[in-house]
Amino acid sequence: MINRLAIIGVGLIGGSLARALKEVDAVREIVGFGRSVGNLQLAIELGVIDRAAVNAADAVRDAELVVIAVPVGNSGEILRLMAPALAPDTIVTDVGSVKGSVIAAARRALGDRFPNFVPGHPLAGTEQSGVGASHAGLFRDRRVILTPEIDTRPAATAQVSALWKTAGADVVTMSAELHDRVLAASSHLPHVLAYTLVDMLVRHDDHKAVFDCAAGGFLDFTRIAASDPVMWRDICLANRAALAPLLRQYQGELDELIRAVDEGDGAWMLDIFTRAKHARDALNKKM
């Protein structure tokens, strides 16, 4: 049981976590803070939070645990603003899709209280945003990755792990460096490709006809291009060291595909497509 939980950024992720914890009576009071007064008012009306704070410092005051659920580009500023109001034993965690830059920001902002910071990332979400899209089952049977540093307090990690398990998630731990490399390939690269494809096609003279004929394949591949552009800009910038090499590798693969199409090299295409199908089929069996 958490007496007071502060959620900084009551959107899809923060709101869904609040709903999940309230559903099982795991928290007595949830205080929310965010940049949109309208979104916070909606969160109160929906029963997602119990009250809204006027600023980040007010939100975290007397909280046992703080969840930072803002775009990674804003994490450093939020940490700086709330740090003076944190109690000595308050545990802080985040939900950012990039860990290296957030950990560096937390070290700067929290100083000797950094051992109470547990970096985290739930592998759950949709292309929708805002508290209105939140729901209690978002994390059920989904993975949450924690990337504690060597000086992170084990008790803090254990409490954050228990928080996510209470919300229905499976919790694993790994290094921040490995997390950022893995997520660059499994999440950040696909989002960049989806955004780029939609932007390329919408600039065609016949884009209306193209979109009118969009069916399952196009819709499945580009669904994530409806995600929050600001959030994904911040993710790409924060994880560019891992993302840029993957983009160059993909560019090389596209060059080979262009060559095969130009030369009518069906054997090369069949080989690539078959390997990809087998890999995707294997992934389906795990899901």
C-alpha atoms as a PDB file:
ATOM      1  CA  MET A   1       0.000   0.000   0.000  1.00  0.00           C
ATOM      2  CA  ILE A   2       1.346   3.405  -1.015  1.00  0.00           C
ATOM      3  CA  ASN A   3       0.023   6.291   1.033  1.00  0.00           C
ATOM      4  CA  ARG A   4       0.785   9.005  -1.525  1.00  0.00           C
ATOM      5  CA  LEU A   5       1.854   8.504  -5.118  1.00  0.00           C
ATOM      6  CA  ALA A   6       2.796  11.442  -7.329  1.00  0.00           C
ATOM      7  CA  ILE A   7       2.464  11.096 -11.086  1.00  0.00           C
ATOM      8  CA  ILE A   8       4.173  13.768 -13.154  1.00  0.00           C
ATOM      9  CA  GLY A   9       2.497  13.593 -16.553  1.00  0.00           C
ATOM     10  CA  VAL A  10      -1.002  12.112 -16.301  1.00  0.00           C
ATOM     11  CA  GLY A  11      -1.326  10.851 -19.857  1.00  0.00           C
ATOM     12  CA  LEU A  12      -1.726   7.400 -21.364  1.00  0.00           C
ATOM     13  CA  ILE A  13       1.059   5.754 -19.343  1.00  0.00           C
ATOM     14  CA  GLY A  14       0.755   7.711 -16.100  1.00  0.00           C
ATOM     15  CA  GLY A  15      -3.034   7.569 -16.195  1.00  0.00           C
ATOM     16  CA  SER A  16      -3.111   3.844 -16.920  1.00  0.00           C
ATOM     17  CA  LEU A  17      -0.750   3.137 -14.032  1.00  0.00           C
ATOM     18  CA  ALA A  18      -2.968   5.179 -11.702  1.00  0.00           C
ATOM     19  CA  ARG A  19      -6.058   3.299 -12.878  1.00  0.00           C
ATOM     20  CA  ALA A  20      -4.375  -0.093 -12.428  1.00  0.00           C
ATOM     21  CA  LEU A  21      -3.255   0.705  -8.883  1.00  0.00           C
ATOM     22  CA  LYS A  22      -6.631   2.144  -7.903  1.00  0.00           C
ATOM     23  CA  GLU A  23      -8.383  -0.929  -9.280  1.00  0.00           C
ATOM     24  CA  VAL A  24      -6.651  -3.114  -6.690  1.00  0.00           C
ATOM     25  CA  ASP A  25      -6.652  -0.509  -3.877  1.00  0.00           C
ATOM     26  CA  ALA A  26      -2.857  -0.316  -3.839  1.00  0.00           C
ATOM     27  CA  VAL A  27      -2.637   3.426  -3.170  1.00  0.00           C
ATOM     28  CA  ARG A  28      -4.478   5.784  -0.820  1.00  0.00           C
ATOM     29  CA  GLU A  29      -3.900   9.055  -2.679  1.00  0.00           C
ATOM     30  CA  ILE A  30      -2.637   9.934  -6.151  1.00  0.00           C
ATOM     31  CA  VAL A  31      -1.474  13.472  -6.851  1.00  0.00           C
ATOM     32  CA  GLY A  32      -1.080  14.463 -10.484  1.00  0.00           C
ATOM     33  CA  PHE A  33       0.792  17.228 -12.245  1.00  0.00           C
ATOM     34  CA  GLY A  34       1.057  18.060 -15.933  1.00  0.00           C
ATOM     35  CA  ARG A  35       1.294  20.893 -18.425  1.00  0.00           C
ATOM     36  CA  SER A  36      -2.399  20.786 -19.423  1.00  0.00           C
ATOM     37  CA  VAL A  37      -4.952  22.023 -16.914  1.00  0.00           C
ATOM     38  CA  GLY A  38      -7.738  20.545 -19.029  1.00  0.00           C
ATOM     39  CA  ASN A  39      -6.127  17.108 -19.011  1.00  0.00           C
ATOM     40  CA  LEU A  40      -5.656  17.262 -15.228  1.00  0.00           C
ATOM     41  CA  GLN A  41      -9.279  18.292 -14.741  1.00  0.00           C
ATOM     42  CA  LEU A  42     -10.370  15.360 -16.890  1.00  0.00           C
ATOM     43  CA  ALA A  43      -8.159  13.055 -14.829  1.00  0.00           C
ATOM     44  CA  ILE A  44      -9.938  14.187 -11.666  1.00  0.00           C
ATOM     45  CA  GLU A  45     -13.376  13.798 -13.267  1.00  0.00           C
ATOM     46  CA  LEU A  46     -12.488  10.270 -14.411  1.00  0.00           C
ATOM     47  CA  GLY A  47     -11.236   9.360 -10.943  1.00  0.00           C
ATOM     48  CA  VAL A  48      -7.713   8.689 -12.232  1.00  0.00           C
ATOM     49  CA  ILE A  49      -6.115  11.077  -9.716  1.00  0.00           C
ATOM     50  CA  ASP A  50      -7.401  12.419  -6.422  1.00  0.00           C
ATOM     51  CA  ARG A  51      -6.095  15.945  -6.811  1.00  0.00           C
ATOM     52  CA  ALA A  52      -3.933  18.050  -9.101  1.00  0.00           C
ATOM     53  CA  ALA A  53      -0.875  19.987  -7.981  1.00  0.00           C
ATOM     54  CA  VAL A  54      -0.022  23.494  -9.135  1.00  0.00           C
ATOM     55  CA  ASN A  55       3.618  22.625  -9.808  1.00  0.00           C
ATOM     56  CA  ALA A  56       6.034  19.694  -9.752  1.00  0.00           C
ATOM     57  CA  ALA A  57       7.417  20.520  -6.314  1.00  0.00           C
ATOM     58  CA  ASP A  58       3.937  20.604  -4.780  1.00  0.00           C
ATOM     59  CA  ALA A  59       3.073  17.294  -6.446  1.00  0.00           C
ATOM     60  CA  VAL A  60       5.986  15.360  -4.938  1.00  0.00           C
ATOM     61  CA  ARG A  61       5.888  16.884  -1.455  1.00  0.00           C
ATOM     62  CA  ASP A  62       5.301  14.098   1.131  1.00  0.00           C
ATOM     63  CA  ALA A  63       5.008  11.469  -1.630  1.00  0.00           C
ATOM     64  CA  GLU A  64       6.395   8.011  -0.948  1.00  0.00           C
ATOM     65  CA  LEU A  65       6.922   7.320  -4.623  1.00  0.00           C
ATOM     66  CA  VAL A  66       7.093   9.562  -7.694  1.00  0.00           C
ATOM     67  CA  VAL A  67       6.534   8.413 -11.277  1.00  0.00           C
ATOM     68  CA  ILE A  68       7.837  10.721 -14.018  1.00  0.00           C
ATOM     69  CA  ALA A  69       5.761  10.109 -17.149  1.00  0.00           C
ATOM     70  CA  VAL A  70       6.748  13.044 -19.365  1.00  0.00           C
ATOM     71  CA  PRO A  71       8.595  13.083 -22.720  1.00  0.00           C
ATOM     72  CA  VAL A  72      12.264  12.225 -22.186  1.00  0.00           C
ATOM     73  CA  GLY A  73      13.268  15.692 -23.370  1.00  0.00           C
ATOM     74  CA  ASN A  74      11.438  17.207 -20.378  1.00  0.00           C
ATOM     75  CA  SER A  75      12.702  14.774 -17.736  1.00  0.00           C
ATOM     76  CA  GLY A  76      15.755  16.808 -16.767  1.00  0.00           C
ATOM     77  CA  GLU A  77      13.766  19.975 -16.140  1.00  0.00           C
ATOM     78  CA  ILE A  78      11.103  18.107 -14.142  1.00  0.00           C
ATOM     79  CA  LEU A  79      13.769  16.420 -12.007  1.00  0.00           C
ATOM     80  CA  ARG A  80      15.418  19.783 -11.344  1.00  0.00           C
ATOM     81  CA  LEU A  81      12.144  21.426 -10.329  1.00  0.00           C
ATOM     82  CA  MET A  82      10.959  18.689  -8.006  1.00  0.00           C
ATOM     83  CA  ALA A  83      14.297  17.736  -6.398  1.00  0.00           C
ATOM     84  CA  PRO A  84      14.209  20.341  -3.567  1.00  0.00           C
ATOM     85  CA  ALA A  85      10.782  19.137  -2.411  1.00  0.00           C
ATOM     86  CA  LEU A  86      11.611  15.421  -2.246  1.00  0.00           C
ATOM     87  CA  ALA A  87      11.744  13.775   1.160  1.00  0.00           C
ATOM     88  CA  PRO A  88      15.030  11.968   1.893  1.00  0.00           C
ATOM     89  CA  ASP A  89      13.468   8.536   1.412  1.00  0.00           C
ATOM     90  CA  THR A  90      11.149   9.309  -1.522  1.00  0.00           C
ATOM     91  CA  ILE A  91      11.625   6.828  -4.380  1.00  0.00           C
ATOM     92  CA  VAL A  92      11.581   8.226  -7.900  1.00  0.00           C
ATOM     93  CA  THR A  93      11.139   6.304 -11.136  1.00  0.00           C
ATOM     94  CA  ASP A  94      10.353   7.143 -14.755  1.00  0.00           C
ATOM     95  CA  VAL A  95       8.791   5.550 -17.837  1.00  0.00           C
ATOM     96  CA  GLY A  96      11.030   6.953 -20.572  1.00  0.00           C
ATOM     97  CA  SER A  97      11.900   5.004 -23.709  1.00  0.00           C
ATOM     98  CA  VAL A  98      15.554   6.092 -23.414  1.00  0.00           C
ATOM     99  CA  LYS A  99      17.501   5.444 -20.237  1.00  0.00           C
ATOM    100  CA  GLY A 100      21.039   6.789 -20.662  1.00  0.00           C
ATOM    101  CA  SER A 101      20.092  10.461 -20.984  1.00  0.00           C
ATOM    102  CA  VAL A 102      17.468  10.269 -18.226  1.00  0.00           C
ATOM    103  CA  ILE A 103      19.922   8.645 -15.819  1.00  0.00           C
ATOM    104  CA  ALA A 104      22.467  11.397 -16.518  1.00  0.00           C
ATOM    105  CA  ALA A 105      19.813  14.057 -15.875  1.00  0.00           C
ATOM    106  CA  ALA A 106      18.753  12.349 -12.642  1.00  0.00           C
ATOM    107  CA  ARG A 107      22.338  12.272 -11.369  1.00  0.00           C
ATOM    108  CA  ARG A 108      22.679  16.003 -11.980  1.00  0.00           C
ATOM    109  CA  ALA A 109      19.345  16.918 -10.409  1.00  0.00           C
ATOM    110  CA  LEU A 110      19.186  14.526  -7.461  1.00  0.00           C
ATOM    111  CA  GLY A 111      22.804  14.538  -6.308  1.00  0.00           C
ATOM    112  CA  ASP A 112      23.239  12.390  -3.195  1.00  0.00           C
ATOM    113  CA  ARG A 113      19.601  11.263  -3.492  1.00  0.00           C
ATOM    114  CA  PHE A 114      20.258   9.564  -6.820  1.00  0.00           C
ATOM    115  CA  PRO A 115      20.334   6.078  -5.192  1.00  0.00           C
ATOM    116  CA  ASN A 116      16.551   6.497  -4.707  1.00  0.00           C
ATOM    117  CA  PHE A 117      16.073   6.796  -8.492  1.00  0.00           C
ATOM    118  CA  VAL A 118      15.035   3.628 -10.350  1.00  0.00           C
ATOM    119  CA  PRO A 119      15.030   4.065 -14.147  1.00  0.00           C
ATOM    120  CA  GLY A 120      12.164   2.204 -15.796  1.00  0.00           C
ATOM    121  CA  HIS A 121      10.389   1.674 -19.085  1.00  0.00           C
ATOM    122  CA  PRO A 122       7.039  -0.120 -19.590  1.00  0.00           C
ATOM    123  CA  LEU A 123       6.843  -1.767 -23.016  1.00  0.00           C
ATOM    124  CA  ALA A 124       3.203  -0.848 -23.425  1.00  0.00           C
ATOM    125  CA  GLY A 125       1.260   1.902 -25.078  1.00  0.00           C
ATOM    126  CA  THR A 126      -0.723   2.846 -28.136  1.00  0.00           C
ATOM    127  CA  GLU A 127      -0.603   5.579 -30.737  1.00  0.00           C
ATOM    128  CA  GLN A 128      -3.191   7.433 -28.639  1.00  0.00           C
ATOM    129  CA  SER A 129      -2.260   9.918 -25.929  1.00  0.00           C
ATOM    130  CA  GLY A 130      -3.851  11.737 -23.020  1.00  0.00           C
ATOM    131  CA  VAL A 131      -5.573  10.524 -19.895  1.00  0.00           C
ATOM    132  CA  GLY A 132      -8.769   9.848 -21.840  1.00  0.00           C
ATOM    133  CA  ALA A 133      -6.995   6.968 -23.604  1.00  0.00           C
ATOM    134  CA  SER A 134      -5.741   5.412 -20.348  1.00  0.00           C
ATOM    135  CA  HIS A 135      -7.090   2.136 -19.013  1.00  0.00           C
ATOM    136  CA  ALA A 136      -6.302  -0.165 -16.113  1.00  0.00           C
ATOM    137  CA  GLY A 137      -5.325  -3.143 -18.259  1.00  0.00           C
ATOM    138  CA  LEU A 138      -2.625  -1.439 -20.329  1.00  0.00           C
ATOM    139  CA  PHE A 139       0.259  -3.166 -18.529  1.00  0.00           C
ATOM    140  CA  ARG A 140      -1.343  -6.545 -17.942  1.00  0.00           C
ATOM    141  CA  ASP A 141       1.092  -9.268 -19.095  1.00  0.00           C
ATOM    142  CA  ARG A 142       3.331  -6.624 -20.650  1.00  0.00           C
ATOM    143  CA  ARG A 143       7.019  -6.242 -19.915  1.00  0.00           C
ATOM    144  CA  VAL A 144       8.505  -3.462 -17.823  1.00  0.00           C
ATOM    145  CA  ILE A 145      12.272  -2.993 -17.972  1.00  0.00           C
ATOM    146  CA  LEU A 146      14.137  -1.576 -14.979  1.00  0.00           C
ATOM    147  CA  THR A 147      17.722  -0.392 -15.449  1.00  0.00           C
ATOM    148  CA  PRO A 148      19.067   0.260 -11.937  1.00  0.00           C
ATOM    149  CA  GLU A 149      22.581   1.639 -11.682  1.00  0.00           C
ATOM    150  CA  ILE A 150      25.266   0.124  -9.477  1.00  0.00           C
ATOM    151  CA  ASP A 151      24.505   2.714  -6.775  1.00  0.00           C
ATOM    152  CA  THR A 152      20.713   2.367  -6.939  1.00  0.00           C
ATOM    153  CA  ARG A 153      19.335   1.168  -3.608  1.00  0.00           C
ATOM    154  CA  PRO A 154      18.126  -2.452  -3.904  1.00  0.00           C
ATOM    155  CA  ALA A 155      15.141  -1.617  -1.697  1.00  0.00           C
ATOM    156  CA  ALA A 156      14.114   1.148  -4.109  1.00  0.00           C
ATOM    157  CA  THR A 157      14.368  -1.215  -7.070  1.00  0.00           C
ATOM    158  CA  ALA A 158      12.297  -3.796  -5.197  1.00  0.00           C
ATOM    159  CA  GLN A 159       9.543  -1.284  -4.453  1.00  0.00           C
ATOM    160  CA  VAL A 160       9.336  -0.062  -8.051  1.00  0.00           C
ATOM    161  CA  SER A 161       9.298  -3.676  -9.249  1.00  0.00           C
ATOM    162  CA  ALA A 162       6.425  -4.417  -6.854  1.00  0.00           C
ATOM    163  CA  LEU A 163       4.576  -1.337  -8.141  1.00  0.00           C
ATOM    164  CA  TRP A 164       4.629  -2.605 -11.729  1.00  0.00           C
ATOM    165  CA  LYS A 165       3.800  -6.178 -10.773  1.00  0.00           C
ATOM    166  CA  THR A 166       0.773  -4.852  -8.895  1.00  0.00           C
ATOM    167  CA  ALA A 167      -0.280  -3.189 -12.169  1.00  0.00           C
ATOM    168  CA  GLY A 168      -0.108  -6.614 -13.860  1.00  0.00           C
ATOM    169  CA  ALA A 169       3.267  -6.308 -15.597  1.00  0.00           C
ATOM    170  CA  ASP A 170       6.206  -8.699 -15.898  1.00  0.00           C
ATOM    171  CA  VAL A 171       9.380  -6.993 -14.663  1.00  0.00           C
ATOM    172  CA  VAL A 172      12.910  -7.602 -15.956  1.00  0.00           C
ATOM    173  CA  THR A 173      16.171  -5.766 -15.359  1.00  0.00           C
ATOM    174  CA  MET A 174      19.055  -4.947 -17.698  1.00  0.00           C
ATOM    175  CA  SER A 175      21.732  -2.311 -18.113  1.00  0.00           C
ATOM    176  CA  ALA A 176      20.748   1.094 -19.463  1.00  0.00           C
ATOM    177  CA  GLU A 177      23.208   0.686 -22.337  1.00  0.00           C
ATOM    178  CA  LEU A 178      21.670  -2.612 -23.441  1.00  0.00           C
ATOM    179  CA  HIS A 179      18.164  -1.187 -23.062  1.00  0.00           C
ATOM    180  CA  ASP A 180      18.917   1.754 -25.333  1.00  0.00           C
ATOM    181  CA  ARG A 181      20.482  -0.471 -28.018  1.00  0.00           C
ATOM    182  CA  VAL A 182      17.607  -2.957 -27.941  1.00  0.00           C
ATOM    183  CA  LEU A 183      14.879  -0.320 -27.977  1.00  0.00           C
ATOM    184  CA  ALA A 184      16.578   1.565 -30.804  1.00  0.00           C
ATOM    185  CA  ALA A 185      16.118  -1.564 -32.948  1.00  0.00           C
ATOM    186  CA  SER A 186      12.766  -2.818 -31.703  1.00  0.00           C
ATOM    187  CA  SER A 187      10.894   0.464 -31.233  1.00  0.00           C
ATOM    188  CA  HIS A 188      12.679   3.650 -32.253  1.00  0.00           C
ATOM    189  CA  LEU A 189      13.702   2.503 -35.744  1.00  0.00           C
ATOM    190  CA  PRO A 190      10.188   1.249 -36.683  1.00  0.00           C
ATOM    191  CA  HIS A 191       8.627   4.523 -35.551  1.00  0.00           C
ATOM    192  CA  VAL A 192      11.098   6.567 -37.595  1.00  0.00           C
ATOM    193  CA  LEU A 193      10.428   4.448 -40.679  1.00  0.00           C
ATOM    194  CA  ALA A 194       6.656   4.761 -40.290  1.00  0.00           C
ATOM    195  CA  TYR A 195       6.809   8.549 -39.919  1.00  0.00           C
ATOM    196  CA  THR A 196       9.113   8.856 -42.930  1.00  0.00           C
ATOM    197  CA  LEU A 197       6.975   6.672 -45.178  1.00  0.00           C
ATOM    198  CA  VAL A 198       3.758   8.559 -44.421  1.00  0.00           C
ATOM    199  CA  ASP A 199       5.469  11.921 -44.883  1.00  0.00           C
ATOM    200  CA  MET A 200       6.973  10.797 -48.207  1.00  0.00           C
ATOM    201  CA  LEU A 201       3.648   9.563 -49.574  1.00  0.00           C
ATOM    202  CA  VAL A 202       1.617  12.576 -48.429  1.00  0.00           C
ATOM    203  CA  ARG A 203       3.903  14.792 -50.527  1.00  0.00           C
ATOM    204  CA  HIS A 204       3.067  12.861 -53.711  1.00  0.00           C
ATOM    205  CA  ASP A 205       0.704  14.568 -56.154  1.00  0.00           C
ATOM    206  CA  ASP A 206      -1.542  11.504 -56.079  1.00  0.00           C
ATOM    207  CA  HIS A 207      -1.415  11.039 -52.302  1.00  0.00           C
ATOM    208  CA  LYS A 208      -5.208  11.208 -51.959  1.00  0.00           C
ATOM    209  CA  ALA A 209      -5.626   8.246 -54.295  1.00  0.00           C
ATOM    210  CA  VAL A 210      -2.870   6.388 -52.423  1.00  0.00           C
ATOM    211  CA  PHE A 211      -4.516   6.917 -49.043  1.00  0.00           C
ATOM    212  CA  ASP A 212      -7.976   6.114 -50.416  1.00  0.00           C
ATOM    213  CA  CYS A 213      -6.618   2.718 -51.437  1.00  0.00           C
ATOM    214  CA  ALA A 214      -4.793   2.087 -48.163  1.00  0.00           C
ATOM    215  CA  ALA A 215      -5.569  -1.373 -46.854  1.00  0.00           C
ATOM    216  CA  GLY A 216      -4.303  -3.697 -44.142  1.00  0.00           C
ATOM    217  CA  GLY A 217      -0.601  -3.685 -44.953  1.00  0.00           C
ATOM    218  CA  PHE A 218      -0.280   0.094 -45.113  1.00  0.00           C
ATOM    219  CA  LEU A 219      -2.458   0.643 -42.058  1.00  0.00           C
ATOM    220  CA  ASP A 220      -0.592  -1.944 -39.982  1.00  0.00           C
ATOM    221  CA  PHE A 221       2.826  -0.567 -40.909  1.00  0.00           C
ATOM    222  CA  THR A 222       1.967   3.095 -40.423  1.00  0.00           C
ATOM    223  CA  ARG A 223      -0.304   2.921 -37.353  1.00  0.00           C
ATOM    224  CA  ILE A 224       2.514   4.104 -35.101  1.00  0.00           C
ATOM    225  CA  ALA A 225       2.979   7.242 -37.212  1.00  0.00           C
ATOM    226  CA  ALA A 226      -0.106   8.545 -35.386  1.00  0.00           C
ATOM    227  CA  SER A 227       1.929   8.700 -32.151  1.00  0.00           C
ATOM    228  CA  ASP A 228       2.896  11.945 -30.421  1.00  0.00           C
ATOM    229  CA  PRO A 229       5.498  13.680 -32.660  1.00  0.00           C
ATOM    230  CA  VAL A 230       7.055  15.668 -29.812  1.00  0.00           C
ATOM    231  CA  MET A 231       7.608  12.549 -27.743  1.00  0.00           C
ATOM    232  CA  TRP A 232       9.233  10.718 -30.646  1.00  0.00           C
ATOM    233  CA  ARG A 233      11.399  13.670 -31.624  1.00  0.00           C
ATOM    234  CA  ASP A 234      12.746  13.676 -28.064  1.00  0.00           C
ATOM    235  CA  ILE A 235      13.325   9.919 -28.118  1.00  0.00           C
ATOM    236  CA  CYS A 236      15.253  10.081 -31.394  1.00  0.00           C
ATOM    237  CA  LEU A 237      17.447  12.911 -30.139  1.00  0.00           C
ATOM    238  CA  ALA A 238      18.083  11.281 -26.772  1.00  0.00           C
ATOM    239  CA  ASN A 239      18.992   7.898 -28.303  1.00  0.00           C
ATOM    240  CA  ARG A 240      20.681   9.084 -31.486  1.00  0.00           C
ATOM    241  CA  ALA A 241      23.946   7.302 -30.637  1.00  0.00           C
ATOM    242  CA  ALA A 242      22.158   3.941 -30.927  1.00  0.00           C
ATOM    243  CA  LEU A 243      19.616   4.925 -33.588  1.00  0.00           C
ATOM    244  CA  ALA A 244      21.887   6.514 -36.198  1.00  0.00           C
ATOM    245  CA  PRO A 245      23.971   3.354 -36.875  1.00  0.00           C
ATOM    246  CA  LEU A 246      20.778   1.333 -37.332  1.00  0.00           C
ATOM    247  CA  LEU A 247      19.452   3.880 -39.823  1.00  0.00           C
ATOM    248  CA  ARG A 248      22.689   3.638 -41.800  1.00  0.00           C
ATOM    249  CA  GLN A 249      22.476  -0.151 -41.750  1.00  0.00           C
ATOM    250  CA  TYR A 250      18.882  -0.010 -42.955  1.00  0.00           C
ATOM    251  CA  GLN A 251      19.913   2.429 -45.682  1.00  0.00           C
ATOM    252  CA  GLY A 252      22.423  -0.148 -46.880  1.00  0.00           C
ATOM    253  CA  GLU A 253      19.724  -2.829 -46.981  1.00  0.00           C
ATOM    254  CA  LEU A 254      17.469  -0.502 -48.983  1.00  0.00           C
ATOM    255  CA  ASP A 255      20.302   0.110 -51.452  1.00  0.00           C
ATOM    256  CA  GLU A 256      20.543  -3.645 -51.984  1.00  0.00           C
ATOM    257  CA  LEU A 257      16.787  -3.889 -52.429  1.00  0.00           C
ATOM    258  CA  ILE A 258      16.856  -1.075 -55.007  1.00  0.00           C
ATOM    259  CA  ARG A 259      19.563  -2.931 -56.891  1.00  0.00           C
ATOM    260  CA  ALA A 260      17.527  -6.155 -56.849  1.00  0.00           C
ATOM    261  CA  VAL A 261      14.399  -4.377 -58.122  1.00  0.00           C
ATOM    262  CA  ASP A 262      16.330  -2.526 -60.842  1.00  0.00           C
ATOM    263  CA  GLU A 263      18.032  -5.713 -62.013  1.00  0.00           C
ATOM    264  CA  GLY A 264      15.018  -7.994 -61.592  1.00  0.00           C
ATOM    265  CA  ASP A 265      16.911 -10.128 -59.071  1.00  0.00           C
ATOM    266  CA  GLY A 266      13.970 -12.188 -57.856  1.00  0.00           C
ATOM    267  CA  ALA A 267      16.191 -14.799 -56.209  1.00  0.00           C
ATOM    268  CA  TRP A 268      17.697 -12.175 -53.887  1.00  0.00           C
ATOM    269  CA  MET A 269      14.258 -10.825 -52.994  1.00  0.00           C
ATOM    270  CA  LEU A 270      12.841 -14.298 -52.342  1.00  0.00           C
ATOM    271  CA  ASP A 271      15.746 -15.118 -50.051  1.00  0.00           C
ATOM    272  CA  ILE A 272      15.293 -11.920 -48.016  1.00  0.00           C
ATOM    273  CA  PHE A 273      11.502 -12.195 -47.880  1.00  0.00           C
ATOM    274  CA  THR A 274      11.613 -15.868 -46.843  1.00  0.00           C
ATOM    275  CA  ARG A 275      14.086 -15.276 -44.019  1.00  0.00           C
ATOM    276  CA  ALA A 276      12.017 -12.356 -42.780  1.00  0.00           C
ATOM    277  CA  LYS A 277       8.801 -14.408 -42.885  1.00  0.00           C
ATOM    278  CA  HIS A 278      10.363 -17.243 -40.882  1.00  0.00           C
ATOM    279  CA  ALA A 279      11.642 -14.781 -38.277  1.00  0.00           C
ATOM    280  CA  ARG A 280       8.237 -13.080 -38.011  1.00  0.00           C
ATOM    281  CA  ASP A 281       6.413 -16.422 -37.777  1.00  0.00           C
ATOM    282  CA  ALA A 282       8.675 -17.396 -34.878  1.00  0.00           C
ATOM    283  CA  LEU A 283       7.864 -14.128 -33.156  1.00  0.00           C
ATOM    284  CA  ASN A 284       4.129 -14.768 -33.579  1.00  0.00           C
ATOM    285  CA  LYS A 285       4.485 -18.073 -31.713  1.00  0.00           C
ATOM    286  CA  LYS A 286       5.981 -16.262 -28.718  1.00  0.00           C
ATOM    287  CA  MET A 287       3.195 -13.677 -28.513  1.00  0.00           C
END
